Amino acid sequence: MKANVYCVRNELTGGYEGLFLYRNSAVAARMLGQQAQRSNMDLNDIQLYEIGEFDMDTGVLTSGSKVPCPLLVSGPIEDEMTPVDHS
C-alpha cells in the first residue's frame, strides 16, 4: 500500500515542520485543517505541501515535486488525526 507524504510550512518562521502520511490530498487537507482549527491557528500562517510517496510494503520513500494543498475545515471535526488506514 502506498501513501502520500506531506509537510507543513510555517509562514511565520519560514521553516517546514512534521511529516505526515495520508491516502490523498483531500484527506490530508481536511485532517490538518481541522487540527489547525482545533488549535486556534490562523490558516494563513501555515501551508500544506505534498512532497512524495511512501510504499508501506517495501519501506521505500520517493520524493516528488513540492505541491501545495489548500487546507479544508468544512465538515465535522474529527476527534483525532488518523493518518492512514492500514487495512
C-alpha atoms as a PDB file:
ATOM      1  CA  MET A   1       0.000   0.000   0.000  1.00  0.00           C
ATOM      2  CA  LYS A   2       1.220   3.490  -0.812  1.00  0.00           C
ATOM      3  CA  ALA A   3       0.559   6.758   0.970  1.00  0.00           C
ATOM      4  CA  ASN A   4       1.419  10.320   0.086  1.00  0.00           C
ATOM      5  CA  VAL A   5       3.891  12.235   2.265  1.00  0.00           C
ATOM      6  CA  TYR A   6       3.040  15.765   3.407  1.00  0.00           C
ATOM      7  CA  CYS A   7       4.737  18.505   5.407  1.00  0.00           C
ATOM      8  CA  VAL A   8       3.618  21.885   6.704  1.00  0.00           C
ATOM      9  CA  ARG A   9       5.374  25.190   6.076  1.00  0.00           C
ATOM     10  CA  ASN A  10       5.104  27.677   8.911  1.00  0.00           C
ATOM     11  CA  GLU A  11       4.770  31.002   7.097  1.00  0.00           C
ATOM     12  CA  LEU A  12       5.739  32.933  10.249  1.00  0.00           C
ATOM     13  CA  THR A  13       9.097  31.190  10.727  1.00  0.00           C
ATOM     14  CA  GLY A  14       9.705  30.208   7.095  1.00  0.00           C
ATOM     15  CA  GLY A  15      10.507  26.628   8.148  1.00  0.00           C
ATOM     16  CA  TYR A  16       8.965  23.250   7.401  1.00  0.00           C
ATOM     17  CA  GLU A  17       7.556  21.082  10.164  1.00  0.00           C
ATOM     18  CA  GLY A  18       6.452  17.486  10.511  1.00  0.00           C
ATOM     19  CA  LEU A  19       5.965  14.657   8.059  1.00  0.00           C
ATOM     20  CA  PHE A  20       2.524  13.135   7.647  1.00  0.00           C
ATOM     21  CA  LEU A  21       1.224  10.143   5.692  1.00  0.00           C
ATOM     22  CA  TYR A  22      -2.255  10.262   4.157  1.00  0.00           C
ATOM     23  CA  ARG A  23      -4.078   8.377   1.392  1.00  0.00           C
ATOM     24  CA  ASN A  24      -4.634  11.533  -0.663  1.00  0.00           C
ATOM     25  CA  SER A  25      -4.504  15.322  -0.591  1.00  0.00           C
ATOM     26  CA  ALA A  26      -8.203  15.745   0.238  1.00  0.00           C
ATOM     27  CA  VAL A  27      -7.853  13.693   3.428  1.00  0.00           C
ATOM     28  CA  ALA A  28      -4.606  15.458   4.384  1.00  0.00           C
ATOM     29  CA  ALA A  29      -6.092  18.908   3.796  1.00  0.00           C
ATOM     30  CA  ARG A  30      -9.193  18.153   5.830  1.00  0.00           C
ATOM     31  CA  MET A  31      -7.431  16.482   8.763  1.00  0.00           C
ATOM     32  CA  LEU A  32      -4.694  19.106   9.094  1.00  0.00           C
ATOM     33  CA  GLY A  33      -7.156  21.946   8.526  1.00  0.00           C
ATOM     34  CA  GLN A  34      -9.319  20.614  11.337  1.00  0.00           C
ATOM     35  CA  GLN A  35      -6.279  20.183  13.586  1.00  0.00           C
ATOM     36  CA  ALA A  36      -5.314  23.801  12.945  1.00  0.00           C
ATOM     37  CA  GLN A  37      -8.871  24.905  13.684  1.00  0.00           C
ATOM     38  CA  ARG A  38      -8.900  22.967  16.988  1.00  0.00           C
ATOM     39  CA  SER A  39      -5.590  24.618  17.915  1.00  0.00           C
ATOM     40  CA  ASN A  40      -6.958  28.078  17.043  1.00  0.00           C
ATOM     41  CA  MET A  41      -4.232  28.527  14.430  1.00  0.00           C
ATOM     42  CA  ASP A  42      -4.649  31.064  11.652  1.00  0.00           C
ATOM     43  CA  LEU A  43      -4.767  29.043   8.423  1.00  0.00           C
ATOM     44  CA  ASN A  44      -2.889  31.885   6.715  1.00  0.00           C
ATOM     45  CA  ASP A  45       0.121  31.070   8.925  1.00  0.00           C
ATOM     46  CA  ILE A  46       0.589  27.533   7.548  1.00  0.00           C
ATOM     47  CA  GLN A  47       0.729  25.845   4.143  1.00  0.00           C
ATOM     48  CA  LEU A  48       0.388  22.102   3.498  1.00  0.00           C
ATOM     49  CA  TYR A  49       2.590  20.515   0.823  1.00  0.00           C
ATOM     50  CA  GLU A  50       2.589  17.051  -0.744  1.00  0.00           C
ATOM     51  CA  ILE A  51       6.276  16.146  -1.063  1.00  0.00           C
ATOM     52  CA  GLY A  52       6.426  12.485  -2.041  1.00  0.00           C
ATOM     53  CA  GLU A  53       5.180   8.944  -1.661  1.00  0.00           C
ATOM     54  CA  PHE A  54       5.872   6.162   0.845  1.00  0.00           C
ATOM     55  CA  ASP A  55       5.441   2.493  -0.047  1.00  0.00           C
ATOM     56  CA  MET A  56       4.414   0.710   3.154  1.00  0.00           C
ATOM     57  CA  ASP A  57       5.153  -2.712   1.677  1.00  0.00           C
ATOM     58  CA  THR A  58       8.761  -2.004   0.692  1.00  0.00           C
ATOM     59  CA  GLY A  59       9.646   0.881   3.028  1.00  0.00           C
ATOM     60  CA  VAL A  60      10.756   2.992   0.079  1.00  0.00           C
ATOM     61  CA  LEU A  61      10.261   6.750   0.266  1.00  0.00           C
ATOM     62  CA  THR A  62      10.113   8.509  -3.102  1.00  0.00           C
ATOM     63  CA  SER A  63      10.457  12.273  -3.262  1.00  0.00           C
ATOM     64  CA  GLY A  64       8.335  14.283  -5.618  1.00  0.00           C
ATOM     65  CA  SER A  65       7.831  17.888  -6.502  1.00  0.00           C
ATOM     66  CA  LYS A  66       6.530  20.147  -3.729  1.00  0.00           C
ATOM     67  CA  VAL A  67       2.795  20.559  -4.446  1.00  0.00           C
ATOM     68  CA  PRO A  68       0.737  22.995  -2.302  1.00  0.00           C
ATOM     69  CA  CYS A  69      -2.583  21.696  -0.929  1.00  0.00           C
ATOM     70  CA  PRO A  70      -5.190  24.148   0.397  1.00  0.00           C
ATOM     71  CA  LEU A  71      -6.345  23.328   3.932  1.00  0.00           C
ATOM     72  CA  LEU A  72     -10.018  22.470   4.437  1.00  0.00           C
ATOM     73  CA  VAL A  73     -12.056  22.991   7.592  1.00  0.00           C
ATOM     74  CA  SER A  74     -15.552  22.059   6.429  1.00  0.00           C
ATOM     75  CA  GLY A  75     -17.461  19.154   7.914  1.00  0.00           C
ATOM     76  CA  PRO A  76     -17.427  17.707  11.408  1.00  0.00           C
ATOM     77  CA  ILE A  77     -14.173  17.945  13.328  1.00  0.00           C
ATOM     78  CA  GLU A  78     -12.616  14.538  13.934  1.00  0.00           C
ATOM     79  CA  ASP A  79     -11.575  13.555  17.456  1.00  0.00           C
ATOM     80  CA  GLU A  80      -8.008  12.694  16.438  1.00  0.00           C
ATOM     81  CA  MET A  81      -5.787  12.622  13.391  1.00  0.00           C
ATOM     82  CA  THR A  82      -5.830   9.269  11.619  1.00  0.00           C
ATOM     83  CA  PRO A  83      -3.034   9.309   9.049  1.00  0.00           C
ATOM     84  CA  VAL A  84      -3.505   6.126   7.006  1.00  0.00           C
ATOM     85  CA  ASP A  85      -5.888   3.170   7.055  1.00  0.00           C
ATOM     86  CA  HIS A  86      -3.513   0.176   7.139  1.00  0.00           C
ATOM     87  CA  SER A  87      -6.164  -2.423   6.250  1.00  0.00           C
END
